[in-house]
C-alpha atoms as a PDB file:
ATOM      1  CA  MET A   1     -20.219   8.565   0.391  1.00  0.00           C
ATOM      2  CA  GLN A   2     -21.323   7.256   3.747  1.00  0.00           C
ATOM      3  CA  SER A   3     -21.783   9.937   6.418  1.00  0.00           C
ATOM      4  CA  LEU A   4     -20.010   9.632   9.771  1.00  0.00           C
ATOM      5  CA  ASN A   5     -21.400  10.397  13.194  1.00  0.00           C
ATOM      6  CA  ARG A   6     -19.296  12.441  15.603  1.00  0.00           C
ATOM      7  CA  ARG A   7     -17.857   9.391  17.396  1.00  0.00           C
ATOM      8  CA  GLN A   8     -16.856   7.705  14.131  1.00  0.00           C
ATOM      9  CA  PHE A   9     -15.290  10.922  12.844  1.00  0.00           C
ATOM     10  CA  LEU A  10     -13.238  11.471  15.995  1.00  0.00           C
ATOM     11  CA  SER A  11     -12.160   7.832  16.061  1.00  0.00           C
ATOM     12  CA  ARG A  12     -10.973   7.847  12.465  1.00  0.00           C
ATOM     13  CA  SER A  13      -9.252  11.208  12.913  1.00  0.00           C
ATOM     14  CA  ALA A  14      -7.341   9.840  15.883  1.00  0.00           C
ATOM     15  CA  LEU A  15      -6.336   6.736  13.928  1.00  0.00           C
ATOM     16  CA  ALA A  16      -5.120   8.845  11.026  1.00  0.00           C
ATOM     17  CA  ALA A  17      -3.086  11.077  13.324  1.00  0.00           C
ATOM     18  CA  THR A  18      -1.555   8.031  14.972  1.00  0.00           C
ATOM     19  CA  GLY A  19      -0.616   6.539  11.606  1.00  0.00           C
ATOM     20  CA  VAL A  20       1.070   9.728  10.438  1.00  0.00           C
ATOM     21  CA  ALA A  21       2.897  10.186  13.730  1.00  0.00           C
ATOM     22  CA  THR A  22       4.112   6.595  13.775  1.00  0.00           C
ATOM     23  CA  ALA A  23       5.489   6.770  10.248  1.00  0.00           C
ATOM     24  CA  ALA A  24       7.085  10.156  10.861  1.00  0.00           C
ATOM     25  CA  ALA A  25       8.832   8.783  13.933  1.00  0.00           C
ATOM     26  CA  LEU A  26      10.747   6.151  11.940  1.00  0.00           C
ATOM     27  CA  PRO A  27      14.517   6.630  12.206  1.00  0.00           C
ATOM     28  CA  SER A  28      16.073   8.611   9.361  1.00  0.00           C
ATOM     29  CA  PHE A  29      18.078   5.640   8.060  1.00  0.00           C
ATOM     30  CA  ALA A  30      14.834   3.746   7.348  1.00  0.00           C
ATOM     31  CA  TRP A  31      13.993   5.731   4.226  1.00  0.00           C
ATOM     32  CA  ALA A  32      15.932   3.388   1.899  1.00  0.00           C
ATOM     33  CA  ASP A  33      13.594   0.758   0.507  1.00  0.00           C
ATOM     34  CA  PRO A  34      14.612  -2.671  -0.903  1.00  0.00           C
ATOM     35  CA  LEU A  35      15.721  -1.025  -4.181  1.00  0.00           C
ATOM     36  CA  GLY A  36      17.716   1.669  -2.396  1.00  0.00           C
ATOM     37  CA  LEU A  37      15.317   4.363  -3.622  1.00  0.00           C
ATOM     38  CA  PRO A  38      13.297   6.945  -1.702  1.00  0.00           C
ATOM     39  CA  ILE A  39       9.636   5.988  -1.401  1.00  0.00           C
ATOM     40  CA  GLY A  40       7.312   8.136  -3.462  1.00  0.00           C
ATOM     41  CA  ILE A  41       3.547   8.415  -3.629  1.00  0.00           C
ATOM     42  CA  GLN A  42       1.176   9.045  -6.519  1.00  0.00           C
ATOM     43  CA  LEU A  43      -1.014  11.863  -5.202  1.00  0.00           C
ATOM     44  CA  TYR A  44      -4.039  10.134  -6.713  1.00  0.00           C
ATOM     45  CA  VAL A  45      -4.075   8.152  -3.445  1.00  0.00           C
ATOM     46  CA  VAL A  46      -5.038  11.297  -1.525  1.00  0.00           C
ATOM     47  CA  GLY A  47      -6.881  12.937  -4.407  1.00  0.00           C
ATOM     48  CA  GLN A  48      -9.928  13.989  -2.414  1.00  0.00           C
ATOM     49  CA  GLU A  49      -7.715  15.446   0.317  1.00  0.00           C
ATOM     50  CA  MET A  50      -5.705  17.317  -2.341  1.00  0.00           C
ATOM     51  CA  GLN A  51      -8.915  18.760  -3.737  1.00  0.00           C
ATOM     52  CA  LYS A  52     -10.020  20.027  -0.325  1.00  0.00           C
ATOM     53  CA  ASP A  53      -6.686  21.443   0.883  1.00  0.00           C
ATOM     54  CA  ALA A  54      -3.651  20.696  -1.245  1.00  0.00           C
ATOM     55  CA  ALA A  55      -1.227  22.641   0.938  1.00  0.00           C
ATOM     56  CA  ALA A  56      -2.156  20.723   4.098  1.00  0.00           C
ATOM     57  CA  THR A  57      -2.144  17.409   2.232  1.00  0.00           C
ATOM     58  CA  VAL A  58       1.340  17.930   0.795  1.00  0.00           C
ATOM     59  CA  LYS A  59       2.580  18.813   4.272  1.00  0.00           C
ATOM     60  CA  GLN A  60       1.116  15.609   5.744  1.00  0.00           C
ATOM     61  CA  ILE A  61       2.652  13.495   2.985  1.00  0.00           C
ATOM     62  CA  ALA A  62       6.069  14.935   3.826  1.00  0.00           C
ATOM     63  CA  GLN A  63       5.499  14.383   7.545  1.00  0.00           C
ATOM     64  CA  ILE A  64       4.794  10.697   6.904  1.00  0.00           C
ATOM     65  CA  GLY A  65       8.242  10.468   5.389  1.00  0.00           C
ATOM     66  CA  TYR A  66       7.681  10.392   1.636  1.00  0.00           C
ATOM     67  CA  LYS A  67      10.492  12.021  -0.340  1.00  0.00           C
ATOM     68  CA  GLU A  68       8.970  12.047  -3.819  1.00  0.00           C
ATOM     69  CA  VAL A  69       5.527  12.488  -5.330  1.00  0.00           C
ATOM     70  CA  GLU A  70       3.955  11.859  -8.693  1.00  0.00           C
ATOM     71  CA  THR A  71       1.138  14.218  -9.505  1.00  0.00           C
ATOM     72  CA  ALA A  72      -2.401  13.639 -10.755  1.00  0.00           C
ATOM     73  CA  GLY A  73      -3.746  17.150 -11.198  1.00  0.00           C
ATOM     74  CA  PHE A  74      -3.065  20.072  -8.874  1.00  0.00           C
ATOM     75  CA  GLY A  75      -5.751  19.553  -6.231  1.00  0.00           C
ATOM     76  CA  SER A  76      -6.967  22.857  -4.799  1.00  0.00           C
ATOM     77  CA  PHE A  77      -4.032  24.692  -6.341  1.00  0.00           C
ATOM     78  CA  LYS A  78      -4.750  26.454  -9.602  1.00  0.00           C
ATOM     79  CA  THR A  79      -1.442  25.885 -11.357  1.00  0.00           C
ATOM     80  CA  ALA A  80       1.555  23.588 -11.494  1.00  0.00           C
ATOM     81  CA  LYS A  81       3.687  26.479 -10.263  1.00  0.00           C
ATOM     82  CA  GLU A  82       1.649  26.756  -7.048  1.00  0.00           C
ATOM     83  CA  LEU A  83       1.922  23.020  -6.421  1.00  0.00           C
ATOM     84  CA  ARG A  84       5.676  23.132  -7.087  1.00  0.00           C
ATOM     85  CA  LYS A  85       6.122  25.785  -4.390  1.00  0.00           C
ATOM     86  CA  ALA A  86       4.277  23.642  -1.843  1.00  0.00           C
ATOM     87  CA  LEU A  87       6.425  20.645  -2.762  1.00  0.00           C
ATOM     88  CA  ASP A  88       9.620  22.686  -2.451  1.00  0.00           C
ATOM     89  CA  ASP A  89       8.513  24.106   0.894  1.00  0.00           C
ATOM     90  CA  ASN A  90       8.110  20.554   2.208  1.00  0.00           C
ATOM     91  CA  GLY A  91      11.270  19.062   0.743  1.00  0.00           C
ATOM     92  CA  LEU A  92       9.464  16.924  -1.825  1.00  0.00           C
ATOM     93  CA  LYS A  93      10.650  16.160  -5.364  1.00  0.00           C
ATOM     94  CA  CYS A  94       8.356  15.490  -8.316  1.00  0.00           C
ATOM     95  CA  PRO A  95      10.265  13.422 -10.890  1.00  0.00           C
ATOM     96  CA  SER A  96       7.111  12.381 -12.770  1.00  0.00           C
ATOM     97  CA  ALA A  97       3.697  13.867 -13.466  1.00  0.00           C
ATOM     98  CA  HIS A  98       0.638  12.140 -14.848  1.00  0.00           C
ATOM     99  CA  VAL A  99      -0.525  14.732 -17.343  1.00  0.00           C
ATOM    100  CA  PRO A 100      -3.295  14.701 -19.994  1.00  0.00           C
ATOM    101  CA  LEU A 101      -0.889  14.667 -22.978  1.00  0.00           C
ATOM    102  CA  LYS A 102      -3.560  15.597 -25.515  1.00  0.00           C
ATOM    103  CA  LEU A 103      -2.170  14.763 -28.942  1.00  0.00           C
ATOM    104  CA  ASN A 104      -3.295  18.119 -30.337  1.00  0.00           C
ATOM    105  CA  ASP A 105      -1.877  20.133 -27.428  1.00  0.00           C
ATOM    106  CA  LEU A 106       1.129  18.380 -25.925  1.00  0.00           C
ATOM    107  CA  GLN A 107       2.941  21.585 -25.041  1.00  0.00           C
ATOM    108  CA  ALA A 108       0.489  22.494 -22.268  1.00  0.00           C
ATOM    109  CA  SER A 109       1.309  19.234 -20.470  1.00  0.00           C
ATOM    110  CA  PHE A 110       5.019  19.644 -21.113  1.00  0.00           C
ATOM    111  CA  ASP A 111       4.922  23.137 -19.619  1.00  0.00           C
ATOM    112  CA  ASP A 112       3.266  21.789 -16.462  1.00  0.00           C
ATOM    113  CA  ALA A 113       5.822  18.978 -16.199  1.00  0.00           C
ATOM    114  CA  HIS A 114       8.662  21.495 -16.426  1.00  0.00           C
ATOM    115  CA  ALA A 115       7.034  23.750 -13.831  1.00  0.00           C
ATOM    116  CA  LEU A 116       6.878  20.796 -11.437  1.00  0.00           C
ATOM    117  CA  GLY A 117      10.536  19.961 -11.984  1.00  0.00           C
ATOM    118  CA  CYS A 118       9.797  16.622 -13.659  1.00  0.00           C
ATOM    119  CA  THR A 119      12.010  14.373 -15.732  1.00  0.00           C
ATOM    120  CA  TYR A 120       9.061  12.297 -16.954  1.00  0.00           C
ATOM    121  CA  ALA A 121       5.798  13.349 -18.572  1.00  0.00           C
ATOM    122  CA  THR A 122       3.691  10.248 -17.947  1.00  0.00           C
ATOM    123  CA  SER A 123       0.423   9.072 -19.427  1.00  0.00           C
ATOM    124  CA  SER A 124      -1.735   7.134 -16.978  1.00  0.00           C
ATOM    125  CA  VAL A 125      -3.879   5.633 -19.779  1.00  0.00           C
ATOM    126  CA  PRO A 126      -2.171   6.060 -23.172  1.00  0.00           C
ATOM    127  CA  GLN A 127      -4.967   4.228 -24.979  1.00  0.00           C
ATOM    128  CA  MET A 128      -7.234   7.192 -24.258  1.00  0.00           C
ATOM    129  CA  TRP A 129      -5.687   8.607 -27.429  1.00  0.00           C
ATOM    130  CA  LEU A 130      -7.744   5.996 -29.287  1.00  0.00           C
ATOM    131  CA  SER A 131     -10.962   7.176 -27.612  1.00  0.00           C
ATOM    132  CA  SER A 132     -13.006  10.360 -27.582  1.00  0.00           C
ATOM    133  CA  MET A 133     -13.525  10.253 -23.813  1.00  0.00           C
ATOM    134  CA  THR A 134     -11.848  12.851 -21.614  1.00  0.00           C
ATOM    135  CA  PRO A 135      -9.463  11.823 -18.811  1.00  0.00           C
ATOM    136  CA  PRO A 136     -10.944  11.094 -15.368  1.00  0.00           C
ATOM    137  CA  ASP A 137     -10.738  13.664 -12.592  1.00  0.00           C
ATOM    138  CA  PRO A 138      -8.257  12.362  -9.984  1.00  0.00           C
ATOM    139  CA  ASN A 139     -10.454  13.853  -7.246  1.00  0.00           C
ATOM    140  CA  MET A 140     -13.549  11.793  -8.048  1.00  0.00           C
ATOM    141  CA  THR A 141     -15.556  10.338  -5.194  1.00  0.00           C
ATOM    142  CA  ASP A 142     -15.919   6.544  -5.148  1.00  0.00           C
ATOM    143  CA  ALA A 143     -19.423   6.880  -6.614  1.00  0.00           C
ATOM    144  CA  GLN A 144     -18.211   9.148  -9.433  1.00  0.00           C
ATOM    145  CA  LYS A 145     -15.303   6.833 -10.144  1.00  0.00           C
ATOM    146  CA  LYS A 146     -17.649   3.850 -10.369  1.00  0.00           C
ATOM    147  CA  ALA A 147     -19.853   5.688 -12.868  1.00  0.00           C
ATOM    148  CA  PHE A 148     -16.842   6.739 -14.930  1.00  0.00           C
ATOM    149  CA  LEU A 149     -15.429   3.212 -15.001  1.00  0.00           C
ATOM    150  CA  SER A 150     -18.774   1.836 -16.086  1.00  0.00           C
ATOM    151  CA  LYS A 151     -18.794   4.178 -19.074  1.00  0.00           C
ATOM    152  CA  ALA A 152     -15.115   3.649 -19.843  1.00  0.00           C
ATOM    153  CA  SER A 153     -15.237  -0.154 -19.671  1.00  0.00           C
ATOM    154  CA  SER A 154     -16.433  -0.411 -23.256  1.00  0.00           C
ATOM    155  CA  THR A 155     -13.906   2.101 -24.617  1.00  0.00           C
ATOM    156  CA  PHE A 156     -10.354   2.697 -23.430  1.00  0.00           C
ATOM    157  CA  LEU A 157     -10.511   0.254 -20.495  1.00  0.00           C
ATOM    158  CA  ALA A 158     -11.547  -2.637 -22.742  1.00  0.00           C
ATOM    159  CA  PRO A 159      -8.904  -5.183 -23.833  1.00  0.00           C
ATOM    160  CA  LEU A 160      -6.952  -3.795 -26.787  1.00  0.00           C
ATOM    161  CA  LYS A 161      -7.086  -5.396 -30.232  1.00  0.00           C
ATOM    162  CA  PRO A 162      -4.072  -6.027 -32.513  1.00  0.00           C
ATOM    163  CA  ASP A 163      -4.754  -3.015 -34.760  1.00  0.00           C
ATOM    164  CA  GLN A 164      -5.089  -0.834 -31.674  1.00  0.00           C
ATOM    165  CA  PHE A 165      -1.695  -1.943 -30.383  1.00  0.00           C
ATOM    166  CA  LYS A 166      -0.135  -0.798 -33.647  1.00  0.00           C
ATOM    167  CA  ALA A 167      -1.918   2.565 -33.583  1.00  0.00           C
ATOM    168  CA  LEU A 168      -0.996   3.063 -29.944  1.00  0.00           C
ATOM    169  CA  ALA A 169       2.675   2.242 -30.523  1.00  0.00           C
ATOM    170  CA  ASP A 170       2.759   4.805 -33.344  1.00  0.00           C
ATOM    171  CA  ASP A 171       1.228   7.464 -31.089  1.00  0.00           C
ATOM    172  CA  MET A 172       3.626   6.629 -28.274  1.00  0.00           C
ATOM    173  CA  ASN A 173       6.606   7.131 -30.579  1.00  0.00           C
ATOM    174  CA  LYS A 174       5.247  10.501 -31.689  1.00  0.00           C
ATOM    175  CA  VAL A 175       4.693  11.668 -28.107  1.00  0.00           C
ATOM    176  CA  GLY A 176       8.102  10.345 -27.108  1.00  0.00           C
ATOM    177  CA  GLU A 177       9.786  12.371 -29.842  1.00  0.00           C
ATOM    178  CA  ALA A 178       7.837  15.499 -28.879  1.00  0.00           C
ATOM    179  CA  ALA A 179       8.791  15.007 -25.233  1.00  0.00           C
ATOM    180  CA  ARG A 180      12.461  14.638 -26.165  1.00  0.00           C
ATOM    181  CA  LYS A 181      12.366  17.894 -28.113  1.00  0.00           C
ATOM    182  CA  ALA A 182      10.777  19.549 -25.075  1.00  0.00           C
ATOM    183  CA  GLY A 183      13.578  18.333 -22.805  1.00  0.00           C
ATOM    184  CA  LEU A 184      11.501  15.613 -21.117  1.00  0.00           C
ATOM    185  CA  LYS A 185      11.061  11.841 -21.257  1.00  0.00           C
ATOM    186  CA  PHE A 186       7.743  10.194 -22.080  1.00  0.00           C
ATOM    187  CA  CYS A 187       6.599   7.298 -19.906  1.00  0.00           C
ATOM    188  CA  ALA A 188       3.548   5.027 -20.267  1.00  0.00           C
ATOM    189  CA  HIS A 189       1.676   3.506 -17.315  1.00  0.00           C
ATOM    190  CA  ASN A 190      -0.272   0.234 -17.649  1.00  0.00           C
ATOM    191  CA  HIS A 191      -3.500  -1.291 -16.420  1.00  0.00           C
ATOM    192  CA  THR A 192      -4.763  -4.754 -17.475  1.00  0.00           C
ATOM    193  CA  MET A 193      -6.069  -4.024 -20.987  1.00  0.00           C
ATOM    194  CA  GLU A 194      -2.554  -3.898 -22.452  1.00  0.00           C
ATOM    195  CA  PHE A 195      -2.209  -7.618 -21.725  1.00  0.00           C
ATOM    196  CA  ALA A 196      -4.836  -8.755 -24.211  1.00  0.00           C
ATOM    197  CA  MET A 197      -3.217 -11.286 -26.533  1.00  0.00           C
ATOM    198  CA  ASP A 198      -1.680 -10.148 -29.797  1.00  0.00           C
ATOM    199  CA  GLY A 199      -0.950 -13.418 -31.545  1.00  0.00           C
ATOM    200  CA  ASP A 200       0.942 -15.631 -29.119  1.00  0.00           C
ATOM    201  CA  LYS A 201       2.097 -12.785 -26.836  1.00  0.00           C
ATOM    202  CA  PRO A 202       0.445 -10.089 -24.740  1.00  0.00           C
ATOM    203  CA  GLY A 203       0.089  -6.811 -26.585  1.00  0.00           C
ATOM    204  CA  TYR A 204       2.237  -5.178 -23.928  1.00  0.00           C
ATOM    205  CA  ASP A 205       5.188  -6.953 -25.545  1.00  0.00           C
ATOM    206  CA  TYR A 206       4.247  -5.332 -28.867  1.00  0.00           C
ATOM    207  CA  LEU A 207       4.274  -1.895 -27.262  1.00  0.00           C
ATOM    208  CA  LEU A 208       7.720  -2.481 -25.801  1.00  0.00           C
ATOM    209  CA  SER A 209       9.206  -3.978 -28.960  1.00  0.00           C
ATOM    210  CA  HIS A 210       7.619  -1.524 -31.446  1.00  0.00           C
ATOM    211  CA  THR A 211       8.408   1.741 -29.690  1.00  0.00           C
ATOM    212  CA  ASP A 212      11.740   3.550 -29.810  1.00  0.00           C
ATOM    213  CA  LYS A 213      13.898   2.536 -26.850  1.00  0.00           C
ATOM    214  CA  ASP A 214      15.335   6.042 -26.674  1.00  0.00           C
ATOM    215  CA  LEU A 215      11.975   7.831 -26.747  1.00  0.00           C
ATOM    216  CA  VAL A 216       9.408   5.691 -24.937  1.00  0.00           C
ATOM    217  CA  PHE A 217       9.753   4.407 -21.373  1.00  0.00           C
ATOM    218  CA  PHE A 218       7.434   2.470 -19.105  1.00  0.00           C
ATOM    219  CA  GLU A 219       6.027   2.749 -15.603  1.00  0.00           C
ATOM    220  CA  ILE A 220       4.893  -0.709 -14.515  1.00  0.00           C
ATOM    221  CA  ASP A 221       1.855  -0.787 -12.282  1.00  0.00           C
ATOM    222  CA  CYS A 222       2.816  -3.888 -10.314  1.00  0.00           C
ATOM    223  CA  GLY A 223      -0.705  -4.406  -8.999  1.00  0.00           C
ATOM    224  CA  TRP A 224      -2.471  -4.334 -12.340  1.00  0.00           C
ATOM    225  CA  MET A 225       0.258  -6.383 -14.026  1.00  0.00           C
ATOM    226  CA  THR A 226      -0.162  -9.015 -11.303  1.00  0.00           C
ATOM    227  CA  VAL A 227      -3.938  -9.056 -11.807  1.00  0.00           C
ATOM    228  CA  ALA A 228      -3.306  -9.575 -15.543  1.00  0.00           C
ATOM    229  CA  GLY A 229      -1.173 -12.604 -14.675  1.00  0.00           C
ATOM    230  CA  TYR A 230       2.340 -11.337 -15.427  1.00  0.00           C
ATOM    231  CA  LYS A 231       5.477 -10.437 -13.456  1.00  0.00           C
ATOM    232  CA  PRO A 232       7.161  -7.004 -13.423  1.00  0.00           C
ATOM    233  CA  GLY A 233      10.611  -8.595 -13.102  1.00  0.00           C
ATOM    234  CA  ASP A 234      10.156 -10.558 -16.323  1.00  0.00           C
ATOM    235  CA  TYR A 235       9.501  -7.398 -18.334  1.00  0.00           C
ATOM    236  CA  ALA A 236      12.171  -5.326 -16.622  1.00  0.00           C
ATOM    237  CA  LYS A 237      14.754  -8.010 -17.471  1.00  0.00           C
ATOM    238  CA  GLN A 238      13.520  -8.800 -20.975  1.00  0.00           C
ATOM    239  CA  TYR A 239      13.493  -5.140 -22.014  1.00  0.00           C
ATOM    240  CA  PRO A 240      16.503  -3.626 -20.218  1.00  0.00           C
ATOM    241  CA  GLY A 241      16.467   0.109 -19.753  1.00  0.00           C
ATOM    242  CA  ARG A 242      12.816   0.544 -20.719  1.00  0.00           C
ATOM    243  CA  VAL A 243      11.143   0.269 -17.293  1.00  0.00           C
ATOM    244  CA  LYS A 244      12.029   3.346 -15.269  1.00  0.00           C
ATOM    245  CA  MET A 245       9.325   3.544 -12.603  1.00  0.00           C
ATOM    246  CA  LEU A 246       7.002   1.308 -10.582  1.00  0.00           C
ATOM    247  CA  HIS A 247       3.569   1.808  -9.072  1.00  0.00           C
ATOM    248  CA  ILE A 248       3.312  -0.112  -5.822  1.00  0.00           C
ATOM    249  CA  LYS A 249      -0.277  -1.294  -5.475  1.00  0.00           C
ATOM    250  CA  ASP A 250      -1.989  -4.108  -3.603  1.00  0.00           C
ATOM    251  CA  PHE A 251      -5.384  -5.786  -3.894  1.00  0.00           C
ATOM    252  CA  LEU A 252      -7.617  -7.881  -1.705  1.00  0.00           C
ATOM    253  CA  PRO A 253      -8.157 -11.453  -2.994  1.00  0.00           C
ATOM    254  CA  TYR A 254      -9.859 -11.395  -6.381  1.00  0.00           C
ATOM    255  CA  PRO A 255     -11.372 -14.075  -8.619  1.00  0.00           C
ATOM    256  CA  LYS A 256      -9.941 -15.181 -11.943  1.00  0.00           C
ATOM    257  CA  GLY A 257     -10.917 -12.796 -14.717  1.00  0.00           C
ATOM    258  CA  ALA A 258     -10.605  -9.611 -12.661  1.00  0.00           C
ATOM    259  CA  SER A 259      -9.513  -6.559 -14.635  1.00  0.00           C
ATOM    260  CA  THR A 260      -9.410  -2.782 -14.594  1.00  0.00           C
ATOM    261  CA  GLY A 261     -12.480  -2.164 -16.709  1.00  0.00           C
ATOM    262  CA  GLY A 262     -14.369  -5.454 -16.637  1.00  0.00           C
ATOM    263  CA  PRO A 263     -17.299  -6.509 -14.492  1.00  0.00           C
ATOM    264  CA  ILE A 264     -14.938  -7.880 -11.811  1.00  0.00           C
ATOM    265  CA  ARG A 265     -12.668  -5.135 -10.506  1.00  0.00           C
ATOM    266  CA  PRO A 266     -10.551  -5.986  -7.457  1.00  0.00           C
ATOM    267  CA  ASP A 267     -10.705  -3.825  -4.340  1.00  0.00           C
ATOM    268  CA  GLY A 268      -7.562  -2.061  -3.241  1.00  0.00           C
ATOM    269  CA  ALA A 269      -5.686  -2.915  -0.065  1.00  0.00           C
ATOM    270  CA  GLU A 270      -2.943  -1.321   1.981  1.00  0.00           C
ATOM    271  CA  ILE A 271       0.476  -2.427   0.717  1.00  0.00           C
ATOM    272  CA  GLY A 272       1.353  -5.748   2.328  1.00  0.00           C
ATOM    273  CA  GLN A 273      -2.250  -6.433   3.334  1.00  0.00           C
ATOM    274  CA  GLY A 274      -3.337  -7.939   0.036  1.00  0.00           C
ATOM    275  CA  VAL A 275      -2.218 -10.665  -2.348  1.00  0.00           C
ATOM    276  CA  VAL A 276       0.496  -8.919  -4.394  1.00  0.00           C
ATOM    277  CA  ASN A 277       3.883 -10.321  -3.343  1.00  0.00           C
ATOM    278  CA  TYR A 278       6.263  -7.379  -3.151  1.00  0.00           C
ATOM    279  CA  LYS A 279       9.157  -9.343  -1.726  1.00  0.00           C
ATOM    280  CA  ASP A 280       9.231 -11.348  -4.960  1.00  0.00           C
ATOM    281  CA  ILE A 281       8.580  -8.286  -7.128  1.00  0.00           C
ATOM    282  CA  PHE A 282      11.425  -6.246  -5.637  1.00  0.00           C
ATOM    283  CA  ALA A 283      13.756  -9.236  -5.936  1.00  0.00           C
ATOM    284  CA  GLY A 284      12.723  -9.654  -9.574  1.00  0.00           C
ATOM    285  CA  VAL A 285      13.338  -6.046 -10.647  1.00  0.00           C
ATOM    286  CA  LYS A 286      16.495  -5.481  -8.614  1.00  0.00           C
ATOM    287  CA  GLY A 287      19.380  -4.275 -10.756  1.00  0.00           C
ATOM    288  CA  THR A 288      17.221  -3.513 -13.821  1.00  0.00           C
ATOM    289  CA  GLY A 289      17.465   0.279 -13.688  1.00  0.00           C
ATOM    290  CA  ILE A 290      14.312   1.269 -11.824  1.00  0.00           C
ATOM    291  CA  GLN A 291      14.664   4.946 -10.903  1.00  0.00           C
ATOM    292  CA  HIS A 292      11.492   5.768  -8.951  1.00  0.00           C
ATOM    293  CA  VAL A 293       8.786   3.924  -7.013  1.00  0.00           C
ATOM    294  CA  PHE A 294       5.385   5.370  -6.127  1.00  0.00           C
ATOM    295  CA  VAL A 295       2.715   4.006  -3.804  1.00  0.00           C
ATOM    296  CA  GLU A 296      -0.630   4.129  -5.615  1.00  0.00           C
ATOM    297  CA  GLN A 297      -3.311   2.499  -3.510  1.00  0.00           C
ATOM    298  CA  GLU A 298      -6.732   1.966  -5.057  1.00  0.00           C
ATOM    299  CA  GLY A 299      -9.961   2.494  -3.176  1.00  0.00           C
ATOM    300  CA  PRO A 300     -12.390   1.982  -1.709  1.00  0.00           C
ATOM    301  CA  TYR A 301     -10.923   3.213   1.593  1.00  0.00           C
ATOM    302  CA  SER A 302     -13.276   1.191   3.727  1.00  0.00           C
ATOM    303  CA  ARG A 303     -10.854   0.148   6.475  1.00  0.00           C
ATOM    304  CA  MET A 304      -9.178   3.489   7.138  1.00  0.00           C
ATOM    305  CA  PRO A 305      -8.992   7.002   5.628  1.00  0.00           C
ATOM    306  CA  ALA A 306      -6.696   7.541   2.651  1.00  0.00           C
ATOM    307  CA  MET A 307      -4.081   9.523   4.578  1.00  0.00           C
ATOM    308  CA  GLN A 308      -3.782   6.830   7.245  1.00  0.00           C
ATOM    309  CA  ALA A 309      -3.510   4.229   4.486  1.00  0.00           C
ATOM    310  CA  ALA A 310      -0.678   6.261   2.946  1.00  0.00           C
ATOM    311  CA  ALA A 311       1.160   6.097   6.285  1.00  0.00           C
ATOM    312  CA  VAL A 312       0.583   2.327   6.562  1.00  0.00           C
ATOM    313  CA  ASP A 313       1.839   1.846   2.981  1.00  0.00           C
ATOM    314  CA  TYR A 314       4.996   3.825   3.723  1.00  0.00           C
ATOM    315  CA  LYS A 315       5.755   1.950   6.919  1.00  0.00           C
ATOM    316  CA  TYR A 316       5.272  -1.471   5.311  1.00  0.00           C
ATOM    317  CA  LEU A 317       7.624  -0.767   2.422  1.00  0.00           C
ATOM    318  CA  HIS A 318      10.368   0.218   4.820  1.00  0.00           C
ATOM    319  CA  SER A 319       9.816  -2.913   6.851  1.00  0.00           C
ATOM    320  CA  LEU A 320      11.175  -4.786   3.819  1.00  0.00           C
ATOM    321  CA  SER A 321      14.563  -3.023   4.031  1.00  0.00           C
END
């Protein structure tokens, strides 16, 4: 990570404070986004801040104006219960948690989801069940993340093959049933590798059509689906009731062939500052039963600190109202 001199540090701190203050000053009626839902944030966006001081980070997220969060670990808190208290103290709800969901120990993740007050126990990378690698730490530095992605690119971030789609669908049904018995709903989040072709259709279609509609739900990452060349609205309409949540993510211009785990990985951008067209996306998914939306900006945070970016993301989404 590049070091900052005193002038750079003070300048960026002032910019971040301005961004938070500006977003917090929005009138109260502005919290309804184009889908009529409160804007949430996946805490992965501010993962390093959460690791340093989770209590202060949660407070800042609430001050920006976010009403909901989706978790990715507990940051500097030790338990889900501690994080839940901080969320409650700041008026934040946590309808979904990205949890490890280890096939041989699902109950531990279910217990954390319940402690956080979640409806959904969500897997950020379900195909990790087909690999022996452990999940990434949400608080990785950019350098650590790059090293992890390099190692993962040949395993669970590689395009899936037809036999893997079948195995994954079977696992998703099993986890969905276990979640139901635990009083939760299982949700699967996508990247680009689910859109490898399976015959004449993307494998993502196989996952939707070969999992139980009452047990397995989907969280579309609009950014990664766009990079893969597909539209969230098409899937939300074709498979009614299956897509419950959206990740709102933007990217700077990227060349053809970009992907999550390949040699060309697009750089993240503040929402509305990249090439993902959210006016079209919101119009396409309107009326399809989306229940929650979460900002999830990717790094690197080269133009502004993550917390300031979170404020910019929030303000842009409400400008679409």
